[in-house]
Amino acid sequence: MAVVAVVVVAACAGTPPPDWQMNARSAMDLSLQGWFEGNQRVEEAEYRRAVREASASGRPELLLRLQLLRCAARVAALDAGEGVCPADDVVQRDGGATEQAYHRYLAGQAGAEDTALLPEAQRRAVTAGTAAALAGIEDAQSRLIAAGVLYRRGLAGPEVVTQAIDTASAQGWRRPLLAWLHVAQTQARAAGDEAEVQRLQRRIEVTGGASLP
């Protein structure tokens, strides 16, 4: 996933990456995939492996980046409750300006001064904050993260929700798909569109929400 390459430290140009780095990236990829597919066991096991591999570097900021990446996946699935994302004091202690900016972004609190420090895919979503900005994000995971941030900022209107649903559906990502379908259903119910409420309920049932941990 593209966002992993941004968050996990990249190898020096022209130099093969060390084993710990490749292993950490591979494990984090599998952890994120497990999360999005609704497989909690895989997500947790692979995340522990990613942390174990990255800790071999002795660099606290790399462990923080893994925490932020895990937090971002939960933001994308509208599941970033208390205790999920790293605490402010941890980010201040272990992170530099880039990590601190990304942490504020995930919390829906990024300011103009943070934009240049964010991954490229997220910058447009910060400055525009619209469904059109989401459409310009090619990477599916980055698009869902941006949608989740807009939701946290109270800016996820029906167009944003539809894009998030379509993105998760196309990837077969059960967990965020269910979360966004429920948001769409709430919006349809508020609009008095009972036919749409029932249509979305059928999609929720097909996706298998009751079977998720």
N, C-alpha and C. Protein backbone atom coordinates (compact mmCIF):
# COMPACT_ATOMS: atom_id res chain seq x y z
N MET A 1 0.84 -1.19 0.00
CA MET A 1 0.00 0.00 0.00
C MET A 1 0.88 1.24 0.00
N ALA A 2 0.51 2.22 -0.79
CA ALA A 2 1.37 3.38 -0.98
C ALA A 2 1.66 4.11 0.32
N VAL A 3 0.68 4.20 1.19
CA VAL A 3 0.88 4.97 2.41
C VAL A 3 1.93 4.34 3.32
N VAL A 4 2.13 3.03 3.24
CA VAL A 4 3.14 2.37 4.06
C VAL A 4 4.53 2.87 3.67
N ALA A 5 4.75 3.02 2.37
CA ALA A 5 6.05 3.49 1.90
C ALA A 5 6.34 4.89 2.39
N VAL A 6 5.31 5.68 2.62
CA VAL A 6 5.50 7.05 3.11
C VAL A 6 5.84 7.04 4.59
N VAL A 7 5.18 6.21 5.35
CA VAL A 7 5.31 6.25 6.81
C VAL A 7 6.51 5.46 7.30
N VAL A 8 6.75 4.27 6.72
CA VAL A 8 7.90 3.47 7.10
C VAL A 8 9.11 4.02 6.36
N VAL A 9 10.20 4.20 7.07
CA VAL A 9 11.37 4.84 6.47
C VAL A 9 11.80 4.12 5.21
N ALA A 10 12.10 4.89 4.18
CA ALA A 10 12.51 4.33 2.89
C ALA A 10 14.00 4.06 2.89
N ALA A 11 14.39 3.13 2.03
CA ALA A 11 15.81 2.83 1.90
C ALA A 11 16.54 3.95 1.20
N CYS A 12 17.84 4.06 1.46
CA CYS A 12 18.64 5.06 0.76
C CYS A 12 18.70 4.72 -0.72
N ALA A 13 18.72 5.75 -1.53
CA ALA A 13 18.73 5.55 -2.98
C ALA A 13 19.93 4.70 -3.38
N GLY A 14 19.67 3.68 -4.18
CA GLY A 14 20.74 2.84 -4.70
C GLY A 14 21.27 1.83 -3.71
N THR A 15 20.72 1.77 -2.52
CA THR A 15 21.20 0.84 -1.50
C THR A 15 20.09 -0.13 -1.14
N PRO A 16 20.35 -1.44 -1.19
CA PRO A 16 19.31 -2.40 -0.80
C PRO A 16 18.89 -2.15 0.64
N PRO A 17 17.59 -2.16 0.91
CA PRO A 17 17.13 -1.91 2.29
C PRO A 17 17.52 -3.06 3.20
N PRO A 18 17.79 -2.77 4.47
CA PRO A 18 18.12 -3.84 5.42
C PRO A 18 16.91 -4.73 5.67
N ASP A 19 17.19 -5.92 6.17
CA ASP A 19 16.12 -6.90 6.37
C ASP A 19 15.03 -6.38 7.30
N TRP A 20 15.42 -5.71 8.40
CA TRP A 20 14.41 -5.27 9.36
C TRP A 20 13.42 -4.32 8.70
N GLN A 21 13.94 -3.48 7.80
CA GLN A 21 13.07 -2.50 7.15
C GLN A 21 12.07 -3.17 6.22
N MET A 22 12.56 -4.11 5.42
CA MET A 22 11.68 -4.84 4.52
C MET A 22 10.65 -5.66 5.30
N ASN A 23 11.12 -6.28 6.38
CA ASN A 23 10.21 -7.09 7.19
C ASN A 23 9.14 -6.24 7.87
N ALA A 24 9.55 -5.07 8.37
CA ALA A 24 8.58 -4.17 9.02
C ALA A 24 7.54 -3.70 8.03
N ARG A 25 7.98 -3.35 6.84
CA ARG A 25 7.04 -2.87 5.82
C ARG A 25 6.08 -3.98 5.40
N SER A 26 6.63 -5.19 5.19
CA SER A 26 5.77 -6.32 4.81
C SER A 26 4.75 -6.63 5.89
N ALA A 27 5.19 -6.63 7.14
CA ALA A 27 4.27 -6.93 8.24
C ALA A 27 3.20 -5.86 8.36
N MET A 28 3.58 -4.60 8.18
CA MET A 28 2.59 -3.53 8.30
C MET A 28 1.59 -3.59 7.17
N ASP A 29 2.06 -3.95 5.98
CA ASP A 29 1.13 -4.16 4.85
C ASP A 29 0.08 -5.20 5.21
N LEU A 30 0.55 -6.33 5.75
CA LEU A 30 -0.37 -7.42 6.10
C LEU A 30 -1.29 -7.03 7.25
N SER A 31 -0.77 -6.25 8.19
CA SER A 31 -1.59 -5.79 9.30
C SER A 31 -2.73 -4.91 8.81
N LEU A 32 -2.40 -3.97 7.93
CA LEU A 32 -3.43 -3.08 7.40
C LEU A 32 -4.45 -3.85 6.57
N GLN A 33 -3.96 -4.80 5.78
CA GLN A 33 -4.88 -5.60 4.98
C GLN A 33 -5.83 -6.38 5.88
N GLY A 34 -5.28 -6.96 6.95
CA GLY A 34 -6.12 -7.68 7.90
C GLY A 34 -7.17 -6.78 8.52
N TRP A 35 -6.78 -5.56 8.87
CA TRP A 35 -7.72 -4.62 9.47
C TRP A 35 -8.85 -4.29 8.51
N PHE A 36 -8.50 -3.91 7.29
CA PHE A 36 -9.52 -3.50 6.33
C PHE A 36 -10.44 -4.66 5.94
N GLU A 37 -9.90 -5.87 5.95
CA GLU A 37 -10.72 -7.03 5.60
C GLU A 37 -11.53 -7.54 6.79
N GLY A 38 -11.30 -6.98 7.97
CA GLY A 38 -12.06 -7.38 9.14
C GLY A 38 -11.48 -8.56 9.88
N ASN A 39 -10.18 -8.83 9.67
CA ASN A 39 -9.53 -9.96 10.33
C ASN A 39 -8.67 -9.43 11.48
N GLN A 40 -9.24 -9.35 12.65
CA GLN A 40 -8.56 -8.77 13.80
C GLN A 40 -7.32 -9.56 14.20
N ARG A 41 -7.39 -10.87 14.12
CA ARG A 41 -6.26 -11.71 14.53
C ARG A 41 -5.03 -11.42 13.69
N VAL A 42 -5.21 -11.37 12.38
CA VAL A 42 -4.09 -11.07 11.49
C VAL A 42 -3.57 -9.67 11.73
N GLU A 43 -4.49 -8.72 11.88
CA GLU A 43 -4.08 -7.33 12.09
C GLU A 43 -3.18 -7.21 13.31
N GLU A 44 -3.57 -7.80 14.41
CA GLU A 44 -2.81 -7.66 15.65
C GLU A 44 -1.48 -8.39 15.58
N ALA A 45 -1.47 -9.61 15.03
CA ALA A 45 -0.24 -10.39 14.96
C ALA A 45 0.79 -9.71 14.06
N GLU A 46 0.36 -9.23 12.91
CA GLU A 46 1.30 -8.61 11.99
C GLU A 46 1.76 -7.24 12.49
N TYR A 47 0.90 -6.54 13.21
CA TYR A 47 1.33 -5.27 13.78
C TYR A 47 2.43 -5.50 14.82
N ARG A 48 2.26 -6.51 15.66
CA ARG A 48 3.30 -6.83 16.64
C ARG A 48 4.61 -7.17 15.94
N ARG A 49 4.52 -7.89 14.84
CA ARG A 49 5.73 -8.25 14.09
C ARG A 49 6.39 -7.00 13.50
N ALA A 50 5.58 -6.08 12.97
CA ALA A 50 6.13 -4.84 12.42
C ALA A 50 6.86 -4.05 13.49
N VAL A 51 6.26 -3.96 14.67
CA VAL A 51 6.89 -3.23 15.78
C VAL A 51 8.19 -3.91 16.20
N ARG A 52 8.17 -5.22 16.27
CA ARG A 52 9.37 -5.97 16.66
C ARG A 52 10.51 -5.73 15.68
N GLU A 53 10.20 -5.76 14.38
CA GLU A 53 11.23 -5.54 13.37
C GLU A 53 11.75 -4.10 13.42
N ALA A 54 10.85 -3.14 13.52
CA ALA A 54 11.26 -1.73 13.52
C ALA A 54 12.05 -1.37 14.77
N SER A 55 11.77 -2.06 15.87
CA SER A 55 12.48 -1.74 17.12
C SER A 55 13.96 -2.09 17.02
N ALA A 56 14.33 -2.95 16.07
CA ALA A 56 15.74 -3.29 15.88
C ALA A 56 16.57 -2.08 15.47
N SER A 57 15.91 -1.05 14.97
CA SER A 57 16.62 0.17 14.57
C SER A 57 16.98 1.05 15.77
N GLY A 58 16.29 0.83 16.90
CA GLY A 58 16.51 1.68 18.06
C GLY A 58 16.03 3.10 17.87
N ARG A 59 15.08 3.30 16.94
CA ARG A 59 14.60 4.65 16.62
C ARG A 59 13.13 4.79 17.04
N PRO A 60 12.86 5.52 18.11
CA PRO A 60 11.48 5.67 18.59
C PRO A 60 10.54 6.27 17.55
N GLU A 61 11.05 7.15 16.69
CA GLU A 61 10.17 7.79 15.72
C GLU A 61 9.60 6.79 14.72
N LEU A 62 10.33 5.69 14.48
CA LEU A 62 9.80 4.68 13.56
C LEU A 62 8.64 3.92 14.20
N LEU A 63 8.75 3.64 15.47
CA LEU A 63 7.63 3.00 16.17
C LEU A 63 6.42 3.93 16.21
N LEU A 64 6.68 5.22 16.38
CA LEU A 64 5.58 6.19 16.36
C LEU A 64 4.92 6.21 14.99
N ARG A 65 5.72 6.13 13.93
CA ARG A 65 5.14 6.13 12.58
C ARG A 65 4.23 4.93 12.37
N LEU A 66 4.63 3.78 12.92
CA LEU A 66 3.76 2.61 12.81
C LEU A 66 2.46 2.84 13.58
N GLN A 67 2.56 3.46 14.75
CA GLN A 67 1.35 3.79 15.52
C GLN A 67 0.44 4.73 14.72
N LEU A 68 1.05 5.71 14.07
CA LEU A 68 0.26 6.67 13.29
C LEU A 68 -0.39 5.99 12.10
N LEU A 69 0.32 5.05 11.51
CA LEU A 69 -0.25 4.33 10.37
C LEU A 69 -1.43 3.48 10.81
N ARG A 70 -1.29 2.84 11.95
CA ARG A 70 -2.40 2.05 12.50
C ARG A 70 -3.58 2.97 12.83
N CYS A 71 -3.29 4.13 13.39
CA CYS A 71 -4.32 5.13 13.68
C CYS A 71 -5.03 5.55 12.40
N ALA A 72 -4.26 5.78 11.34
CA ALA A 72 -4.83 6.23 10.07
C ALA A 72 -5.81 5.20 9.51
N ALA A 73 -5.46 3.92 9.65
CA ALA A 73 -6.36 2.87 9.17
C ALA A 73 -7.68 2.88 9.93
N ARG A 74 -7.62 3.20 11.20
CA ARG A 74 -8.84 3.28 11.99
C ARG A 74 -9.65 4.52 11.67
N VAL A 75 -8.97 5.61 11.38
CA VAL A 75 -9.68 6.81 10.92
C VAL A 75 -10.42 6.50 9.62
N ALA A 76 -9.79 5.76 8.73
CA ALA A 76 -10.42 5.41 7.45
C ALA A 76 -11.67 4.58 7.64
N ALA A 77 -11.70 3.77 8.72
CA ALA A 77 -12.85 2.92 9.01
C ALA A 77 -13.74 3.51 10.09
N LEU A 78 -13.53 4.79 10.41
CA LEU A 78 -14.37 5.51 11.39
C LEU A 78 -14.36 4.82 12.74
N ASP A 79 -13.18 4.32 13.14
CA ASP A 79 -13.07 3.55 14.37
C ASP A 79 -11.90 4.03 15.23
N ALA A 80 -11.62 5.32 15.18
CA ALA A 80 -10.49 5.87 15.93
C ALA A 80 -10.96 6.39 17.28
N GLY A 81 -11.39 5.46 18.13
CA GLY A 81 -11.87 5.84 19.44
C GLY A 81 -10.74 6.14 20.40
N GLU A 82 -11.07 6.40 21.64
CA GLU A 82 -10.09 6.76 22.65
C GLU A 82 -9.09 5.63 22.86
N GLY A 83 -7.82 5.97 22.91
CA GLY A 83 -6.77 4.99 23.14
C GLY A 83 -6.26 4.31 21.89
N VAL A 84 -6.86 4.58 20.74
CA VAL A 84 -6.44 3.93 19.50
C VAL A 84 -5.22 4.62 18.91
N CYS A 85 -5.23 5.94 18.89
CA CYS A 85 -4.14 6.71 18.30
C CYS A 85 -3.16 7.15 19.38
N PRO A 86 -1.90 7.39 19.02
CA PRO A 86 -0.91 7.79 20.02
C PRO A 86 -1.29 9.08 20.73
N ALA A 87 -0.98 9.15 22.00
CA ALA A 87 -1.31 10.34 22.80
C ALA A 87 -0.43 11.52 22.39
N ASP A 88 -0.92 12.71 22.67
CA ASP A 88 -0.19 13.92 22.28
C ASP A 88 1.21 13.94 22.87
N ASP A 89 1.35 13.53 24.13
CA ASP A 89 2.67 13.61 24.75
C ASP A 89 3.65 12.63 24.12
N VAL A 90 3.15 11.48 23.65
CA VAL A 90 4.01 10.51 22.97
C VAL A 90 4.49 11.08 21.63
N VAL A 91 3.58 11.73 20.92
CA VAL A 91 3.94 12.32 19.63
C VAL A 91 4.95 13.44 19.83
N GLN A 92 4.76 14.25 20.85
CA GLN A 92 5.70 15.33 21.13
C GLN A 92 7.06 14.79 21.54
N ARG A 93 7.07 13.70 22.27
CA ARG A 93 8.32 13.12 22.76
C ARG A 93 9.12 12.43 21.66
N ASP A 94 8.43 11.62 20.86
CA ASP A 94 9.12 10.75 19.90
C ASP A 94 9.10 11.26 18.47
N GLY A 95 8.22 12.19 18.16
CA GLY A 95 8.06 12.60 16.77
C GLY A 95 8.69 13.94 16.46
N GLY A 96 9.03 14.11 15.20
CA GLY A 96 9.49 15.40 14.71
C GLY A 96 8.33 16.18 14.13
N ALA A 97 8.65 17.21 13.38
CA ALA A 97 7.60 18.07 12.81
C ALA A 97 6.67 17.30 11.89
N THR A 98 7.23 16.35 11.11
CA THR A 98 6.41 15.59 10.16
C THR A 98 5.40 14.71 10.89
N GLU A 99 5.87 13.99 11.89
CA GLU A 99 4.97 13.10 12.64
C GLU A 99 3.91 13.91 13.39
N GLN A 100 4.30 15.04 13.94
CA GLN A 100 3.34 15.88 14.66
C GLN A 100 2.28 16.45 13.73
N ALA A 101 2.69 16.83 12.52
CA ALA A 101 1.73 17.34 11.54
C ALA A 101 0.74 16.25 11.12
N TYR A 102 1.24 15.03 10.92
CA TYR A 102 0.36 13.93 10.50
C TYR A 102 -0.60 13.57 11.63
N HIS A 103 -0.12 13.63 12.85
CA HIS A 103 -0.98 13.36 14.00
C HIS A 103 -2.12 14.37 14.07
N ARG A 104 -1.80 15.64 13.87
CA ARG A 104 -2.85 16.67 13.86
C ARG A 104 -3.81 16.45 12.69
N TYR A 105 -3.27 16.04 11.56
CA TYR A 105 -4.12 15.78 10.39
C TYR A 105 -5.13 14.68 10.70
N LEU A 106 -4.66 13.58 11.27
CA LEU A 106 -5.56 12.46 11.56
C LEU A 106 -6.62 12.85 12.58
N ALA A 107 -6.31 13.80 13.44
CA ALA A 107 -7.28 14.27 14.43
C ALA A 107 -8.23 15.31 13.85
N GLY A 108 -8.04 15.66 12.57
CA GLY A 108 -8.88 16.68 11.95
C GLY A 108 -8.52 18.07 12.38
N GLN A 109 -7.27 18.26 12.82
CA GLN A 109 -6.84 19.55 13.36
C GLN A 109 -5.66 20.16 12.62
N ALA A 110 -5.37 19.67 11.43
CA ALA A 110 -4.22 20.19 10.68
C ALA A 110 -4.46 21.63 10.26
N GLY A 111 -3.43 22.45 10.40
CA GLY A 111 -3.50 23.83 9.96
C GLY A 111 -2.74 24.04 8.67
N ALA A 112 -2.78 25.25 8.16
CA ALA A 112 -2.09 25.56 6.91
C ALA A 112 -0.61 25.26 7.00
N GLU A 113 -0.04 25.47 8.19
CA GLU A 113 1.40 25.25 8.35
C GLU A 113 1.78 23.78 8.29
N ASP A 114 0.80 22.88 8.42
CA ASP A 114 1.06 21.44 8.39
C ASP A 114 1.05 20.88 6.97
N THR A 115 0.44 21.57 6.05
CA THR A 115 0.17 21.01 4.73
C THR A 115 1.42 20.50 4.04
N ALA A 116 2.48 21.28 4.03
CA ALA A 116 3.70 20.90 3.32
C ALA A 116 4.37 19.68 3.93
N LEU A 117 4.04 19.35 5.18
CA LEU A 117 4.67 18.23 5.87
C LEU A 117 3.90 16.93 5.70
N LEU A 118 2.72 16.99 5.10
CA LEU A 118 1.88 15.80 4.96
C LEU A 118 2.25 15.01 3.72
N PRO A 119 1.89 13.71 3.69
CA PRO A 119 2.04 12.94 2.46
C PRO A 119 1.31 13.64 1.32
N GLU A 120 1.88 13.57 0.14
CA GLU A 120 1.35 14.33 -1.00
C GLU A 120 -0.13 14.08 -1.23
N ALA A 121 -0.56 12.82 -1.08
CA ALA A 121 -1.96 12.49 -1.36
C ALA A 121 -2.92 13.20 -0.42
N GLN A 122 -2.44 13.58 0.77
CA GLN A 122 -3.33 14.17 1.76
C GLN A 122 -3.39 15.70 1.68
N ARG A 123 -2.44 16.30 0.99
CA ARG A 123 -2.36 17.77 1.00
C ARG A 123 -3.60 18.41 0.39
N ARG A 124 -4.05 17.88 -0.73
CA ARG A 124 -5.20 18.48 -1.41
C ARG A 124 -6.45 18.37 -0.55
N ALA A 125 -6.58 17.27 0.16
CA ALA A 125 -7.76 17.09 1.02
C ALA A 125 -7.78 18.12 2.14
N VAL A 126 -6.60 18.53 2.61
CA VAL A 126 -6.54 19.54 3.67
C VAL A 126 -6.93 20.90 3.13
N THR A 127 -6.39 21.25 1.97
CA THR A 127 -6.62 22.60 1.44
C THR A 127 -8.02 22.76 0.85
N ALA A 128 -8.53 21.70 0.21
CA ALA A 128 -9.85 21.80 -0.44
C ALA A 128 -10.98 21.32 0.46
N GLY A 129 -10.77 20.15 1.08
CA GLY A 129 -11.78 19.63 1.99
C GLY A 129 -13.10 19.30 1.33
N THR A 130 -13.05 18.81 0.10
CA THR A 130 -14.28 18.52 -0.63
C THR A 130 -14.22 17.13 -1.26
N ALA A 131 -15.38 16.69 -1.76
CA ALA A 131 -15.43 15.41 -2.46
C ALA A 131 -14.56 15.43 -3.71
N ALA A 132 -14.47 16.58 -4.36
CA ALA A 132 -13.64 16.69 -5.56
C ALA A 132 -12.17 16.43 -5.23
N ALA A 133 -11.74 16.88 -4.06
CA ALA A 133 -10.36 16.64 -3.64
C ALA A 133 -10.12 15.15 -3.44
N LEU A 134 -11.09 14.43 -2.90
CA LEU A 134 -10.96 12.99 -2.72
C LEU A 134 -10.78 12.28 -4.05
N ALA A 135 -11.53 12.71 -5.04
CA ALA A 135 -11.48 12.06 -6.35
C ALA A 135 -10.09 12.14 -6.96
N GLY A 136 -9.32 13.14 -6.56
CA GLY A 136 -7.98 13.30 -7.11
C GLY A 136 -6.93 12.46 -6.42
N ILE A 137 -7.30 11.72 -5.39
CA ILE A 137 -6.35 10.86 -4.67
C ILE A 137 -6.41 9.47 -5.28
N GLU A 138 -5.32 9.04 -5.90
CA GLU A 138 -5.32 7.77 -6.63
C GLU A 138 -5.27 6.56 -5.71
N ASP A 139 -4.46 6.62 -4.67
CA ASP A 139 -4.31 5.48 -3.78
C ASP A 139 -5.57 5.29 -2.94
N ALA A 140 -6.13 4.09 -2.97
CA ALA A 140 -7.41 3.83 -2.31
C ALA A 140 -7.33 4.03 -0.80
N GLN A 141 -6.24 3.57 -0.19
CA GLN A 141 -6.13 3.72 1.26
C GLN A 141 -6.02 5.19 1.64
N SER A 142 -5.22 5.93 0.91
CA SER A 142 -5.08 7.37 1.19
C SER A 142 -6.40 8.10 1.01
N ARG A 143 -7.18 7.67 0.02
CA ARG A 143 -8.49 8.30 -0.21
C ARG A 143 -9.43 8.05 0.96
N LEU A 144 -9.41 6.83 1.48
CA LEU A 144 -10.28 6.51 2.62
C LEU A 144 -9.83 7.24 3.88
N ILE A 145 -8.52 7.37 4.06
CA ILE A 145 -8.03 8.13 5.21
C ILE A 145 -8.50 9.57 5.12
N ALA A 146 -8.37 10.16 3.94
CA ALA A 146 -8.81 11.54 3.74
C ALA A 146 -10.31 11.68 4.01
N ALA A 147 -11.08 10.69 3.56
CA ALA A 147 -12.53 10.72 3.82
C ALA A 147 -12.81 10.65 5.31
N GLY A 148 -12.05 9.79 6.01
CA GLY A 148 -12.23 9.67 7.45
C GLY A 148 -11.90 10.96 8.18
N VAL A 149 -10.87 11.66 7.71
CA VAL A 149 -10.51 12.94 8.31
C VAL A 149 -11.62 13.97 8.06
N LEU A 150 -12.17 13.98 6.85
CA LEU A 150 -13.29 14.89 6.57
C LEU A 150 -14.48 14.58 7.48
N TYR A 151 -14.70 13.30 7.74
CA TYR A 151 -15.79 12.91 8.65
C TYR A 151 -15.53 13.46 10.05
N ARG A 152 -14.30 13.35 10.51
CA ARG A 152 -13.96 13.87 11.84
C ARG A 152 -14.12 15.38 11.91
N ARG A 153 -13.95 16.04 10.78
CA ARG A 153 -14.10 17.50 10.74
C ARG A 153 -15.55 17.93 10.49
N GLY A 154 -16.45 16.95 10.35
CA GLY A 154 -17.85 17.28 10.10
C GLY A 154 -18.12 17.70 8.67
N LEU A 155 -17.26 17.26 7.73
CA LEU A 155 -17.38 17.69 6.33
C LEU A 155 -17.71 16.54 5.39
N ALA A 156 -18.14 15.41 5.94
CA ALA A 156 -18.43 14.24 5.10
C ALA A 156 -19.89 14.24 4.68
N GLY A 157 -20.20 15.01 3.65
CA GLY A 157 -21.54 15.01 3.09
C GLY A 157 -21.77 13.77 2.25
N PRO A 158 -22.95 13.63 1.65
CA PRO A 158 -23.28 12.44 0.87
C PRO A 158 -22.28 12.10 -0.23
N GLU A 159 -21.71 13.10 -0.90
CA GLU A 159 -20.75 12.82 -1.97
C GLU A 159 -19.47 12.19 -1.42
N VAL A 160 -19.00 12.69 -0.30
CA VAL A 160 -17.82 12.10 0.34
C VAL A 160 -18.11 10.67 0.78
N VAL A 161 -19.27 10.47 1.38
CA VAL A 161 -19.65 9.14 1.86
C VAL A 161 -19.76 8.16 0.69
N THR A 162 -20.34 8.59 -0.40
CA THR A 162 -20.46 7.72 -1.58
C THR A 162 -19.09 7.33 -2.11
N GLN A 163 -18.17 8.28 -2.16
CA GLN A 163 -16.82 7.96 -2.63
C GLN A 163 -16.14 6.96 -1.70
N ALA A 164 -16.32 7.14 -0.40
CA ALA A 164 -15.72 6.21 0.55
C ALA A 164 -16.30 4.80 0.39
N ILE A 165 -17.62 4.73 0.22
CA ILE A 165 -18.27 3.43 0.00
C ILE A 165 -17.75 2.78 -1.27
N ASP A 166 -17.70 3.53 -2.34
CA ASP A 166 -17.25 2.97 -3.62
C ASP A 166 -15.80 2.50 -3.53
N THR A 167 -14.97 3.25 -2.82
CA THR A 167 -13.57 2.88 -2.68
C THR A 167 -13.42 1.59 -1.89
N ALA A 168 -14.07 1.51 -0.75
CA ALA A 168 -13.98 0.31 0.08
C ALA A 168 -14.58 -0.90 -0.63
N SER A 169 -15.68 -0.69 -1.33
CA SER A 169 -16.33 -1.78 -2.05
C SER A 169 -15.44 -2.33 -3.15
N ALA A 170 -14.81 -1.44 -3.90
CA ALA A 170 -13.96 -1.86 -5.02
C ALA A 170 -12.76 -2.68 -4.53
N GLN A 171 -12.27 -2.35 -3.32
CA GLN A 171 -11.12 -3.06 -2.77
C GLN A 171 -11.51 -4.32 -2.00
N GLY A 172 -12.80 -4.48 -1.72
CA GLY A 172 -13.23 -5.61 -0.89
C GLY A 172 -12.86 -5.44 0.56
N TRP A 173 -12.83 -4.19 1.02
CA TRP A 173 -12.45 -3.88 2.40
C TRP A 173 -13.70 -3.82 3.27
N ARG A 174 -14.00 -4.93 3.88
CA ARG A 174 -15.25 -5.13 4.59
C ARG A 174 -15.46 -4.13 5.74
N ARG A 175 -14.41 -3.91 6.54
CA ARG A 175 -14.59 -3.10 7.74
C ARG A 175 -14.94 -1.65 7.42
N PRO A 176 -14.15 -0.94 6.61
CA PRO A 176 -14.55 0.44 6.29
C PRO A 176 -15.83 0.51 5.48
N LEU A 177 -16.08 -0.50 4.64
CA LEU A 177 -17.31 -0.50 3.86
C LEU A 177 -18.52 -0.49 4.78
N LEU A 178 -18.51 -1.35 5.78
CA LEU A 178 -19.64 -1.39 6.72
C LEU A 178 -19.81 -0.07 7.45
N ALA A 179 -18.69 0.50 7.89
CA ALA A 179 -18.76 1.76 8.63
C ALA A 179 -19.39 2.86 7.79
N TRP A 180 -18.95 2.96 6.54
CA TRP A 180 -19.46 4.03 5.68
C TRP A 180 -20.89 3.76 5.22
N LEU A 181 -21.25 2.48 5.06
CA LEU A 181 -22.64 2.16 4.72
C LEU A 181 -23.58 2.60 5.85
N HIS A 182 -23.14 2.42 7.08
CA HIS A 182 -23.97 2.86 8.21
C HIS A 182 -24.10 4.38 8.23
N VAL A 183 -23.03 5.09 7.88
CA VAL A 183 -23.12 6.55 7.81
C VAL A 183 -24.11 6.96 6.73
N ALA A 184 -24.02 6.31 5.56
CA ALA A 184 -24.94 6.63 4.47
C ALA A 184 -26.38 6.34 4.87
N GLN A 185 -26.58 5.26 5.60
CA GLN A 185 -27.92 4.91 6.04
C GLN A 185 -28.47 5.96 7.01
N THR A 186 -27.61 6.45 7.89
CA THR A 186 -28.03 7.50 8.83
C THR A 186 -28.41 8.76 8.07
N GLN A 187 -27.64 9.11 7.06
CA GLN A 187 -27.95 10.29 6.26
C GLN A 187 -29.26 10.11 5.50
N ALA A 188 -29.47 8.91 4.95
CA ALA A 188 -30.71 8.66 4.22
C ALA A 188 -31.92 8.71 5.15
N ARG A 189 -31.75 8.18 6.34
CA ARG A 189 -32.85 8.21 7.31
C ARG A 189 -33.18 9.65 7.71
N ALA A 190 -32.14 10.46 7.90
CA ALA A 190 -32.36 11.87 8.25
C ALA A 190 -33.06 12.62 7.13
N ALA A 191 -32.82 12.18 5.89
CA ALA A 191 -33.45 12.83 4.74
C ALA A 191 -34.84 12.28 4.46
N GLY A 192 -35.27 11.27 5.23
CA GLY A 192 -36.60 10.69 5.04
C GLY A 192 -36.70 9.78 3.83
N ASP A 193 -35.56 9.27 3.35
CA ASP A 193 -35.55 8.41 2.16
C ASP A 193 -35.57 6.95 2.61
N GLU A 194 -36.75 6.42 2.88
CA GLU A 194 -36.87 5.08 3.42
C GLU A 194 -36.43 4.02 2.42
N ALA A 195 -36.66 4.26 1.14
CA ALA A 195 -36.22 3.30 0.12
C ALA A 195 -34.70 3.16 0.14
N GLU A 196 -34.00 4.27 0.27
CA GLU A 196 -32.54 4.23 0.33
C GLU A 196 -32.06 3.57 1.62
N VAL A 197 -32.77 3.82 2.71
CA VAL A 197 -32.43 3.17 3.98
C VAL A 197 -32.49 1.65 3.82
N GLN A 198 -33.53 1.16 3.18
CA GLN A 198 -33.69 -0.28 2.99
C GLN A 198 -32.66 -0.85 2.02
N ARG A 199 -32.35 -0.09 0.97
CA ARG A 199 -31.33 -0.53 0.02
C ARG A 199 -29.97 -0.67 0.70
N LEU A 200 -29.64 0.30 1.53
CA LEU A 200 -28.37 0.26 2.25
C LEU A 200 -28.36 -0.85 3.29
N GLN A 201 -29.51 -1.11 3.91
CA GLN A 201 -29.59 -2.21 4.87
C GLN A 201 -29.28 -3.53 4.20
N ARG A 202 -29.76 -3.70 2.98
CA ARG A 202 -29.48 -4.94 2.25
C ARG A 202 -27.98 -5.06 1.98
N ARG A 203 -27.33 -3.96 1.62
CA ARG A 203 -25.89 -3.99 1.39
C ARG A 203 -25.14 -4.32 2.68
N ILE A 204 -25.60 -3.77 3.78
CA ILE A 204 -24.98 -4.07 5.07
C ILE A 204 -25.09 -5.55 5.39
N GLU A 205 -26.26 -6.12 5.15
CA GLU A 205 -26.47 -7.55 5.41
C GLU A 205 -25.58 -8.41 4.53
N VAL A 206 -25.47 -8.04 3.25
CA VAL A 206 -24.65 -8.81 2.32
C VAL A 206 -23.17 -8.75 2.72
N THR A 207 -22.74 -7.58 3.16
CA THR A 207 -21.35 -7.41 3.56
C THR A 207 -21.02 -8.24 4.80
N GLY A 208 -22.03 -8.55 5.59
CA GLY A 208 -21.84 -9.46 6.72
C GLY A 208 -21.40 -8.79 7.99
N GLY A 209 -22.01 -7.66 8.32
CA GLY A 209 -21.59 -6.91 9.49
C GLY A 209 -21.63 -7.69 10.78
N ALA A 210 -22.59 -8.58 10.94
CA ALA A 210 -22.73 -9.28 12.22
C ALA A 210 -21.58 -10.23 12.48
N SER A 211 -20.83 -10.60 11.44
CA SER A 211 -19.76 -11.59 11.61
C SER A 211 -18.43 -10.97 11.99
N LEU A 212 -18.33 -9.64 11.99
CA LEU A 212 -17.05 -9.01 12.31
C LEU A 212 -16.80 -9.00 13.80
N PRO A 213 -15.51 -9.12 14.18
CA PRO A 213 -15.18 -9.07 15.62
C PRO A 213 -15.34 -7.67 16.15
